[in-house]
C-alpha atoms as a PDB file:
ATOM      1  CA  MET A   1    -135.152 115.951-137.143  1.00  0.00           C
ATOM      2  CA  ARG A   2    -137.108 118.363-134.443  1.00  0.00           C
ATOM      3  CA  PHE A   3    -139.633 115.185-133.760  1.00  0.00           C
ATOM      4  CA  LEU A   4    -136.264 112.692-133.122  1.00  0.00           C
ATOM      5  CA  LEU A   5    -134.645 115.546-130.608  1.00  0.00           C
ATOM      6  CA  LEU A   6    -137.682 115.831-128.679  1.00  0.00           C
ATOM      7  CA  LEU A   7    -137.923 111.992-128.596  1.00  0.00           C
ATOM      8  CA  LEU A   8    -134.680 111.746-127.634  1.00  0.00           C
ATOM      9  CA  TRP A   9    -134.768 114.237-124.913  1.00  0.00           C
ATOM     10  CA  GLY A  10    -137.604 112.388-123.697  1.00  0.00           C
ATOM     11  CA  VAL A  11    -136.352 109.469-123.321  1.00  0.00           C
ATOM     12  CA  CYS A  12    -133.111 110.665-121.854  1.00  0.00           C
ATOM     13  CA  SER A  13    -134.688 113.216-119.430  1.00  0.00           C
ATOM     14  CA  LEU A  14    -134.723 112.602-115.906  1.00  0.00           C
ATOM     15  CA  ILE A  15    -138.046 110.813-114.612  1.00  0.00           C
ATOM     16  CA  GLN A  16    -138.547 112.829-111.431  1.00  0.00           C
ATOM     17  CA  ALA A  17    -140.763 110.007-110.374  1.00  0.00           C
ATOM     18  CA  ARG A  18    -142.278 109.527-106.702  1.00  0.00           C
ATOM     19  CA  PRO A  19    -142.756 106.150-104.512  1.00  0.00           C
ATOM     20  CA  TYR A  20    -146.341 105.170-105.157  1.00  0.00           C
ATOM     21  CA  ASP A  21    -147.761 107.956-107.984  1.00  0.00           C
ATOM     22  CA  PRO A  22    -151.236 108.398-108.726  1.00  0.00           C
ATOM     23  CA  GLY A  23    -152.057 106.394-111.739  1.00  0.00           C
ATOM     24  CA  PHE A  24    -152.474 102.530-112.749  1.00  0.00           C
ATOM     25  CA  ALA A  25    -149.816 100.420-113.175  1.00  0.00           C
ATOM     26  CA  LEU A  26    -149.416  97.009-115.417  1.00  0.00           C
ATOM     27  CA  LYS A  27    -146.765  94.373-114.473  1.00  0.00           C
ATOM     28  CA  ALA A  28    -146.349  91.302-116.538  1.00  0.00           C
ATOM     29  CA  GLY A  29    -143.181  88.876-115.412  1.00  0.00           C
ATOM     30  CA  GLY A  30    -142.190  85.424-114.308  1.00  0.00           C
ATOM     31  CA  PHE A  31    -139.863  82.776-112.015  1.00  0.00           C
ATOM     32  CA  TRP A  32    -139.228  79.243-112.058  1.00  0.00           C
ATOM     33  CA  ALA A  33    -141.783  77.761-109.174  1.00  0.00           C
ATOM     34  CA  ASP A  34    -140.705  74.289-107.428  1.00  0.00           C
ATOM     35  CA  VAL A  35    -143.524  72.847-106.325  1.00  0.00           C
ATOM     36  CA  ASP A  36    -144.434  69.379-104.037  1.00  0.00           C
ATOM     37  CA  SER A  37    -147.972  68.444-103.946  1.00  0.00           C
ATOM     38  CA  SER A  38    -149.052  65.148-102.862  1.00  0.00           C
ATOM     39  CA  PHE A  39    -152.964  63.100-101.624  1.00  0.00           C
ATOM     40  CA  GLY A  40    -154.105  61.001 -98.860  1.00  0.00           C
ATOM     41  CA  ALA A  41    -154.397  57.842 -99.531  1.00  0.00           C
ATOM     42  CA  VAL A  42    -154.657  53.991 -98.726  1.00  0.00           C
ATOM     43  CA  ILE A  43    -152.857  50.853 -99.569  1.00  0.00           C
ATOM     44  CA  THR A  44    -155.235  48.705-101.071  1.00  0.00           C
ATOM     45  CA  GLY A  45    -156.082  45.561 -99.054  1.00  0.00           C
ATOM     46  CA  ALA A  46    -154.368  46.891 -95.990  1.00  0.00           C
ATOM     47  CA  GLY A  47    -156.251  50.217 -95.280  1.00  0.00           C
ATOM     48  CA  ASP A  48    -152.765  51.500 -93.971  1.00  0.00           C
ATOM     49  CA  PRO A  49    -152.893  55.908 -94.840  1.00  0.00           C
ATOM     50  CA  ILE A  50    -150.046  56.551 -97.316  1.00  0.00           C
ATOM     51  CA  ARG A  51    -149.107  59.646 -99.173  1.00  0.00           C
ATOM     52  CA  ILE A  52    -149.199  59.832-103.461  1.00  0.00           C
ATOM     53  CA  ASP A  53    -146.745  62.428-104.322  1.00  0.00           C
ATOM     54  CA  PHE A  54    -148.166  63.909-107.693  1.00  0.00           C
ATOM     55  CA  GLU A  55    -143.968  64.823-108.724  1.00  0.00           C
ATOM     56  CA  SER A  56    -142.160  61.375-107.913  1.00  0.00           C
ATOM     57  CA  ASP A  57    -145.235  58.811-107.764  1.00  0.00           C
ATOM     58  CA  LEU A  58    -147.015  60.567-110.986  1.00  0.00           C
ATOM     59  CA  ALA A  59    -144.655  62.118-112.323  1.00  0.00           C
ATOM     60  CA  LEU A  60    -145.167  65.755-112.749  1.00  0.00           C
ATOM     61  CA  GLU A  61    -142.568  68.336-113.470  1.00  0.00           C
ATOM     62  CA  GLU A  62    -140.871  69.561-109.854  1.00  0.00           C
ATOM     63  CA  SER A  63    -140.023  72.824-111.313  1.00  0.00           C
ATOM     64  CA  LYS A  64    -141.769  74.933-114.153  1.00  0.00           C
ATOM     65  CA  PHE A  65    -141.738  78.443-115.285  1.00  0.00           C
ATOM     66  CA  SER A  66    -144.796  80.379-113.739  1.00  0.00           C
ATOM     67  CA  PRO A  67    -145.966  83.364-115.360  1.00  0.00           C
ATOM     68  CA  PHE A  68    -147.670  86.445-113.193  1.00  0.00           C
ATOM     69  CA  PHE A  69    -149.620  89.206-114.033  1.00  0.00           C
ATOM     70  CA  GLU A  70    -150.291  92.246-111.721  1.00  0.00           C
ATOM     71  CA  LEU A  71    -152.484  95.473-112.094  1.00  0.00           C
ATOM     72  CA  THR A  72    -152.310  98.454-109.714  1.00  0.00           C
ATOM     73  CA  TYR A  73    -154.625 101.386-109.564  1.00  0.00           C
ATOM     74  CA  ARG A  74    -152.835 104.085-106.662  1.00  0.00           C
ATOM     75  CA  PHE A  75    -156.418 106.807-106.378  1.00  0.00           C
ATOM     76  CA  ASN A  76    -153.690 108.897-104.769  1.00  0.00           C
ATOM     77  CA  GLU A  77    -150.354 109.234-102.675  1.00  0.00           C
ATOM     78  CA  ARG A  78    -151.986 107.752 -99.822  1.00  0.00           C
ATOM     79  CA  HIS A  79    -154.394 104.900-100.900  1.00  0.00           C
ATOM     80  CA  MET A  80    -153.755 101.669-103.840  1.00  0.00           C
ATOM     81  CA  LEU A  81    -155.838  98.587-104.680  1.00  0.00           C
ATOM     82  CA  ALA A  82    -153.804  95.694-106.420  1.00  0.00           C
ATOM     83  CA  LEU A  83    -155.140  92.418-108.299  1.00  0.00           C
ATOM     84  CA  ASN A  84    -152.099  89.708-109.044  1.00  0.00           C
ATOM     85  CA  TYR A  85    -152.465  86.446-110.697  1.00  0.00           C
ATOM     86  CA  ILE A  86    -149.740  83.852-110.850  1.00  0.00           C
ATOM     87  CA  THR A  87    -150.494  80.627-112.765  1.00  0.00           C
ATOM     88  CA  LEU A  88    -148.998  77.052-112.759  1.00  0.00           C
ATOM     89  CA  HIS A  89    -150.148  74.390-115.097  1.00  0.00           C
ATOM     90  CA  ARG A  90    -148.791  71.198-115.141  1.00  0.00           C
ATOM     91  CA  ASN A  91    -149.672  67.438-116.657  1.00  0.00           C
ATOM     92  CA  ALA A  92    -147.264  63.964-117.536  1.00  0.00           C
ATOM     93  CA  GLU A  93    -148.063  61.664-119.408  1.00  0.00           C
ATOM     94  CA  THR A  94    -148.885  57.871-118.533  1.00  0.00           C
ATOM     95  CA  VAL A  95    -146.385  56.112-116.463  1.00  0.00           C
ATOM     96  CA  ARG A  96    -147.099  52.898-114.983  1.00  0.00           C
ATOM     97  CA  SER A  97    -147.811  52.386-111.368  1.00  0.00           C
ATOM     98  CA  GLU A  98    -145.327  51.260-108.904  1.00  0.00           C
ATOM     99  CA  LYS A  99    -147.877  50.783-106.165  1.00  0.00           C
ATOM    100  CA  SER A 100    -151.834  49.758-105.161  1.00  0.00           C
ATOM    101  CA  TYR A 101    -153.486  52.018-103.422  1.00  0.00           C
ATOM    102  CA  GLU A 102    -156.795  53.860-103.410  1.00  0.00           C
ATOM    103  CA  PHE A 103    -158.189  57.156-102.716  1.00  0.00           C
ATOM    104  CA  THR A 104    -161.493  59.484-102.813  1.00  0.00           C
ATOM    105  CA  TRP A 105    -162.059  62.531-104.713  1.00  0.00           C
ATOM    106  CA  GLU A 106    -165.173  64.155-104.136  1.00  0.00           C
ATOM    107  CA  GLY A 107    -167.488  61.313-102.957  1.00  0.00           C
ATOM    108  CA  GLU A 108    -165.972  58.931-105.494  1.00  0.00           C
ATOM    109  CA  THR A 109    -163.765  55.868-104.175  1.00  0.00           C
ATOM    110  CA  TYR A 110    -160.731  55.151-107.136  1.00  0.00           C
ATOM    111  CA  ARG A 111    -158.105  52.231-107.349  1.00  0.00           C
ATOM    112  CA  VAL A 112    -154.976  52.089-109.056  1.00  0.00           C
ATOM    113  CA  ASN A 113    -153.541  48.765-109.294  1.00  0.00           C
ATOM    114  CA  SER A 114    -149.420  48.086-109.666  1.00  0.00           C
ATOM    115  CA  GLY A 115    -148.589  48.282-112.997  1.00  0.00           C
ATOM    116  CA  ALA A 116    -151.829  49.805-114.175  1.00  0.00           C
ATOM    117  CA  PHE A 117    -151.105  53.095-116.587  1.00  0.00           C
ATOM    118  CA  VAL A 118    -152.457  56.457-115.445  1.00  0.00           C
ATOM    119  CA  ASN A 119    -151.622  59.831-115.967  1.00  0.00           C
ATOM    120  CA  SER A 120    -152.146  62.881-114.022  1.00  0.00           C
ATOM    121  CA  GLN A 121    -152.743  67.047-114.205  1.00  0.00           C
ATOM    122  CA  LEU A 122    -152.213  69.530-111.597  1.00  0.00           C
ATOM    123  CA  ASP A 123    -153.381  73.178-111.940  1.00  0.00           C
ATOM    124  CA  ILE A 124    -152.672  75.901-109.781  1.00  0.00           C
ATOM    125  CA  ASP A 125    -153.942  79.393-109.851  1.00  0.00           C
ATOM    126  CA  ILE A 126    -153.702  82.038-107.868  1.00  0.00           C
ATOM    127  CA  TYR A 127    -155.316  85.192-107.333  1.00  0.00           C
ATOM    128  CA  GLN A 128    -155.176  88.464-105.088  1.00  0.00           C
ATOM    129  CA  ILE A 129    -156.372  91.669-104.091  1.00  0.00           C
ATOM    130  CA  THR A 130    -154.672  93.679-101.895  1.00  0.00           C
ATOM    131  CA  TYR A 131    -155.390  96.700-100.512  1.00  0.00           C
ATOM    132  CA  GLY A 132    -152.557  99.282 -99.386  1.00  0.00           C
ATOM    133  CA  TYR A 133    -152.222 102.852 -97.351  1.00  0.00           C
ATOM    134  CA  SER A 134    -149.245 105.181 -97.148  1.00  0.00           C
ATOM    135  CA  PHE A 135    -147.539 105.771 -93.879  1.00  0.00           C
ATOM    136  CA  PHE A 136    -145.574 107.796 -94.922  1.00  0.00           C
ATOM    137  CA  GLN A 137    -144.882 109.957 -98.393  1.00  0.00           C
ATOM    138  CA  SER A 138    -141.914 111.698 -99.087  1.00  0.00           C
ATOM    139  CA  ASP A 139    -139.777 112.570-102.711  1.00  0.00           C
ATOM    140  CA  LYS A 140    -137.515 109.826-101.839  1.00  0.00           C
ATOM    141  CA  TYR A 141    -139.406 107.672 -99.457  1.00  0.00           C
ATOM    142  CA  GLY A 142    -142.490 105.382 -98.972  1.00  0.00           C
ATOM    143  CA  VAL A 143    -143.800 103.359 -96.618  1.00  0.00           C
ATOM    144  CA  MET A 144    -147.080 101.198 -97.480  1.00  0.00           C
ATOM    145  CA  GLY A 145    -149.371  98.813 -95.261  1.00  0.00           C
ATOM    146  CA  THR A 146    -151.118  96.172 -97.213  1.00  0.00           C
ATOM    147  CA  VAL A 147    -154.001  93.825 -96.385  1.00  0.00           C
ATOM    148  CA  GLY A 148    -155.890  91.646 -98.647  1.00  0.00           C
ATOM    149  CA  ALA A 149    -156.406  88.077 -99.469  1.00  0.00           C
ATOM    150  CA  HIS A 150    -154.970  84.881-101.638  1.00  0.00           C
ATOM    151  CA  VAL A 151    -157.310  82.506-103.546  1.00  0.00           C
ATOM    152  CA  MET A 152    -155.861  79.179-104.378  1.00  0.00           C
ATOM    153  CA  ASP A 153    -157.851  77.272-106.759  1.00  0.00           C
ATOM    154  CA  ILE A 154    -156.477  73.614-107.256  1.00  0.00           C
ATOM    155  CA  ASP A 155    -157.349  71.631-110.492  1.00  0.00           C
ATOM    156  CA  ALA A 156    -156.089  67.765-109.819  1.00  0.00           C
ATOM    157  CA  ARG A 157    -157.213  64.869-112.302  1.00  0.00           C
ATOM    158  CA  ILE A 158    -155.364  61.419-112.724  1.00  0.00           C
ATOM    159  CA  GLY A 159    -156.740  59.518-115.409  1.00  0.00           C
ATOM    160  CA  GLY A 160    -156.056  56.305-117.391  1.00  0.00           C
ATOM    161  CA  GLN A 161    -156.888  52.237-115.522  1.00  0.00           C
ATOM    162  CA  LEU A 162    -158.535  53.296-112.560  1.00  0.00           C
ATOM    163  CA  GLU A 163    -161.222  51.077-111.123  1.00  0.00           C
ATOM    164  CA  ILE A 164    -164.166  52.755-109.467  1.00  0.00           C
ATOM    165  CA  VAL A 165    -164.897  51.078-106.285  1.00  0.00           C
ATOM    166  CA  SER A 166    -168.799  51.098-105.227  1.00  0.00           C
ATOM    167  CA  ASP A 167    -170.596  50.718-102.521  1.00  0.00           C
ATOM    168  CA  ASP A 168    -171.469  46.903-103.244  1.00  0.00           C
ATOM    169  CA  GLY A 169    -167.669  46.359-103.443  1.00  0.00           C
ATOM    170  CA  VAL A 170    -168.149  45.791-107.542  1.00  0.00           C
ATOM    171  CA  ASN A 171    -164.876  47.378-108.743  1.00  0.00           C
ATOM    172  CA  THR A 172    -165.496  48.615-112.618  1.00  0.00           C
ATOM    173  CA  ILE A 173    -162.066  48.835-114.491  1.00  0.00           C
ATOM    174  CA  THR A 174    -162.159  51.987-116.515  1.00  0.00           C
ATOM    175  CA  GLU A 175    -160.621  54.663-118.426  1.00  0.00           C
ATOM    176  CA  THR A 176    -161.734  57.722-116.528  1.00  0.00           C
ATOM    177  CA  ASN A 177    -160.488  60.811-114.922  1.00  0.00           C
ATOM    178  CA  ALA A 178    -160.614  61.296-111.419  1.00  0.00           C
ATOM    179  CA  ILE A 179    -161.400  65.055-110.671  1.00  0.00           C
ATOM    180  CA  GLY A 180    -160.831  67.092-107.230  1.00  0.00           C
ATOM    181  CA  LYS A 181    -160.870  70.652-106.864  1.00  0.00           C
ATOM    182  CA  VAL A 182    -159.910  73.098-104.144  1.00  0.00           C
ATOM    183  CA  THR A 183    -160.650  76.704-103.341  1.00  0.00           C
ATOM    184  CA  ALA A 184    -158.745  77.914-100.625  1.00  0.00           C
ATOM    185  CA  PRO A 185    -158.871  81.644 -99.521  1.00  0.00           C
ATOM    186  CA  LEU A 186    -155.949  83.141 -97.504  1.00  0.00           C
ATOM    187  CA  PRO A 187    -155.913  86.448 -96.087  1.00  0.00           C
ATOM    188  CA  ASN A 188    -152.727  88.184 -95.260  1.00  0.00           C
ATOM    189  CA  VAL A 189    -151.254  91.203 -94.161  1.00  0.00           C
ATOM    190  CA  GLY A 190    -147.942  93.063 -95.495  1.00  0.00           C
ATOM    191  CA  LEU A 191    -145.301  96.194 -95.395  1.00  0.00           C
ATOM    192  CA  THR A 192    -143.852  97.569 -98.778  1.00  0.00           C
ATOM    193  CA  LEU A 193    -140.979 100.420 -98.121  1.00  0.00           C
ATOM    194  CA  ALA A 194    -139.929 102.168-101.621  1.00  0.00           C
ATOM    195  CA  TRP A 195    -137.251 104.158-102.041  1.00  0.00           C
ATOM    196  CA  GLN A 196    -136.275 106.211-104.633  1.00  0.00           C
ATOM    197  CA  ALA A 197    -132.568 105.630-105.053  1.00  0.00           C
ATOM    198  CA  ALA A 198    -131.976 107.815-108.723  1.00  0.00           C
ATOM    199  CA  ASP A 199    -133.681 109.608-111.124  1.00  0.00           C
ATOM    200  CA  ARG A 200    -134.773 106.087-112.844  1.00  0.00           C
ATOM    201  CA  LEU A 201    -133.904 103.912-109.927  1.00  0.00           C
ATOM    202  CA  LEU A 202    -136.853 102.645-107.470  1.00  0.00           C
ATOM    203  CA  LEU A 203    -136.059 100.180-104.844  1.00  0.00           C
ATOM    204  CA  LEU A 204    -138.702  98.538-103.064  1.00  0.00           C
ATOM    205  CA  ALA A 205    -138.641  96.335-100.162  1.00  0.00           C
ATOM    206  CA  ASN A 206    -141.931  93.855 -99.972  1.00  0.00           C
ATOM    207  CA  ALA A 207    -143.139  91.188 -97.076  1.00  0.00           C
ATOM    208  CA  GLN A 208    -146.332  89.418 -96.781  1.00  0.00           C
ATOM    209  CA  TYR A 209    -147.185  86.460 -94.345  1.00  0.00           C
ATOM    210  CA  LEU A 210    -150.384  85.013 -92.303  1.00  0.00           C
ATOM    211  CA  ARG A 211    -150.845  81.709 -91.039  1.00  0.00           C
ATOM    212  CA  VAL A 212    -154.756  80.645 -90.909  1.00  0.00           C
ATOM    213  CA  SER A 213    -156.503  77.584 -90.121  1.00  0.00           C
ATOM    214  CA  PHE A 214    -160.381  77.117 -90.370  1.00  0.00           C
ATOM    215  CA  ASP A 215    -162.738  74.386 -90.909  1.00  0.00           C
ATOM    216  CA  ASP A 216    -160.835  71.660 -92.678  1.00  0.00           C
ATOM    217  CA  TYR A 217    -158.195  73.872 -94.365  1.00  0.00           C
ATOM    218  CA  LYS A 218    -154.932  74.818 -93.390  1.00  0.00           C
ATOM    219  CA  GLY A 219    -152.659  77.705 -95.233  1.00  0.00           C
ATOM    220  CA  ARG A 220    -149.588  79.775 -94.895  1.00  0.00           C
ATOM    221  CA  LEU A 221    -148.296  82.455 -96.887  1.00  0.00           C
ATOM    222  CA  LEU A 222    -144.743  83.654 -96.873  1.00  0.00           C
ATOM    223  CA  ASP A 223    -143.741  86.298 -99.515  1.00  0.00           C
ATOM    224  CA  LEU A 224    -140.540  88.219 -99.322  1.00  0.00           C
ATOM    225  CA  ARG A 225    -139.171  90.420-101.962  1.00  0.00           C
ATOM    226  CA  LEU A 226    -136.337  92.931-102.862  1.00  0.00           C
ATOM    227  CA  GLN A 227    -136.795  94.823-106.375  1.00  0.00           C
ATOM    228  CA  ALA A 228    -135.063  97.434-108.312  1.00  0.00           C
ATOM    229  CA  SER A 229    -136.948  98.959-111.179  1.00  0.00           C
ATOM    230  CA  TYR A 230    -135.313 101.025-113.741  1.00  0.00           C
ATOM    231  CA  TYR A 231    -137.352 103.434-115.404  1.00  0.00           C
ATOM    232  CA  PHE A 232    -136.356 103.997-119.288  1.00  0.00           C
ATOM    233  CA  THR A 233    -139.211 106.282-119.440  1.00  0.00           C
ATOM    234  CA  GLN A 234    -142.028 107.749-117.158  1.00  0.00           C
ATOM    235  CA  LYS A 235    -144.001 105.227-118.190  1.00  0.00           C
ATOM    236  CA  LEU A 236    -142.423 102.230-118.862  1.00  0.00           C
ATOM    237  CA  ALA A 237    -139.511 100.111-116.689  1.00  0.00           C
ATOM    238  CA  PHE A 238    -137.777  97.005-116.497  1.00  0.00           C
ATOM    239  CA  ALA A 239    -137.446  95.307-112.937  1.00  0.00           C
ATOM    240  CA  VAL A 240    -135.525  92.602-111.433  1.00  0.00           C
ATOM    241  CA  ALA A 241    -136.304  91.066-108.043  1.00  0.00           C
ATOM    242  CA  TRP A 242    -134.963  88.668-105.310  1.00  0.00           C
ATOM    243  CA  GLN A 243    -138.207  86.656-104.227  1.00  0.00           C
ATOM    244  CA  ASP A 244    -138.818  84.079-101.201  1.00  0.00           C
ATOM    245  CA  TYR A 245    -142.231  83.143-101.943  1.00  0.00           C
ATOM    246  CA  GLY A 246    -144.541  80.044-100.871  1.00  0.00           C
ATOM    247  CA  VAL A 247    -148.237  78.880-100.857  1.00  0.00           C
ATOM    248  CA  LYS A 248    -148.986  76.001 -98.449  1.00  0.00           C
ATOM    249  CA  VAL A 249    -152.488  74.548 -98.144  1.00  0.00           C
ATOM    250  CA  ASP A 250    -153.679  71.495 -96.645  1.00  0.00           C
ATOM    251  CA  GLU A 251    -157.374  70.086 -96.991  1.00  0.00           C
ATOM    252  CA  GLU A 252    -158.154  67.398 -94.792  1.00  0.00           C
ATOM    253  CA  ARG A 253    -162.147  65.951 -95.880  1.00  0.00           C
ATOM    254  CA  ARG A 254    -163.695  66.458 -99.154  1.00  0.00           C
ATOM    255  CA  PHE A 255    -160.671  66.215-101.160  1.00  0.00           C
ATOM    256  CA  SER A 256    -158.876  63.381 -99.716  1.00  0.00           C
ATOM    257  CA  ASN A 257    -156.368  65.282 -97.629  1.00  0.00           C
ATOM    258  CA  VAL A 258    -154.484  67.247-100.260  1.00  0.00           C
ATOM    259  CA  ASP A 259    -151.767  68.842 -99.231  1.00  0.00           C
ATOM    260  CA  VAL A 260    -149.826  71.659-102.074  1.00  0.00           C
ATOM    261  CA  LYS A 261    -146.518  73.816-101.730  1.00  0.00           C
ATOM    262  CA  PHE A 262    -145.906  75.819-103.829  1.00  0.00           C
ATOM    263  CA  ASN A 263    -142.783  77.710-103.660  1.00  0.00           C
ATOM    264  CA  TYR A 264    -140.451  79.818-105.024  1.00  0.00           C
ATOM    265  CA  ARG A 265    -136.708  81.404-103.944  1.00  0.00           C
ATOM    266  CA  GLY A 266    -134.528  83.386-106.257  1.00  0.00           C
ATOM    267  CA  PRO A 267    -134.358  85.712-109.125  1.00  0.00           C
ATOM    268  CA  ALA A 268    -137.822  87.217-110.758  1.00  0.00           C
ATOM    269  CA  VAL A 269    -137.790  89.580-113.939  1.00  0.00           C
ATOM    270  CA  MET A 270    -141.302  91.870-114.962  1.00  0.00           C
ATOM    271  CA  LEU A 271    -141.677  94.765-117.197  1.00  0.00           C
ATOM    272  CA  ILE A 272    -143.911  97.629-115.618  1.00  0.00           C
ATOM    273  CA  TYR A 273    -146.031 100.027-117.897  1.00  0.00           C
ATOM    274  CA  GLU A 274    -147.562 103.068-115.954  1.00  0.00           C
ATOM    275  CA  PHE A 275    -150.725 104.677-117.237  1.00  0.00           C
END
């Protein structure tokens, strides 16, 4: 009985937490992401440039649940380091192509004839590392500036009845996969505001943004989030957030001008464990 009373007191007692208390925090959650992705090709025989859309032309899902994980370490009240991972993997069953086109990935040229059966896969993994410095810290409020980098790893595959176009113009019909990969780093800066609104309730407002262009890559990152975390205990919390998250990457040379837009606007949920 004494043990149960102590346990009940521990759960129901006031949290007395402050924004950015030192220690580790592990977050796991997810949201429904909208993706718009395409790559450059030319019309067979005419050479006119066109875009092949992974969603409308190759039947990939336009929206899918995307999980995320984050590990945060706060050295002290001033310094923080975070690792974040978002993943979205999609594949489509075989569909009949409605147009004839050619595209070049990784130095190999492929032809898809009208009526050919093709299948596709597009895997997107986003890794982020962030350093944060708290400019202001009190029992109720915290203001933190952040700087870091996103790495967007794109793995695309098109398979089925493809023709490989050789240098001498001979086409070989094959059941094969055209594989292309892009890894795009995107640096970012941001600002986070924290407010301990009640003993168990922590409110956060976060913004990250950067637009960058280098070599044959162009990228843009926008991350806006309003989050409310309710602490059941000092270590465990449940959070809901409204998030406007978007990453856009254009690659204009090696991977046949791939254009990927990863967007999400709406609610997200997560569990937080601090230790």
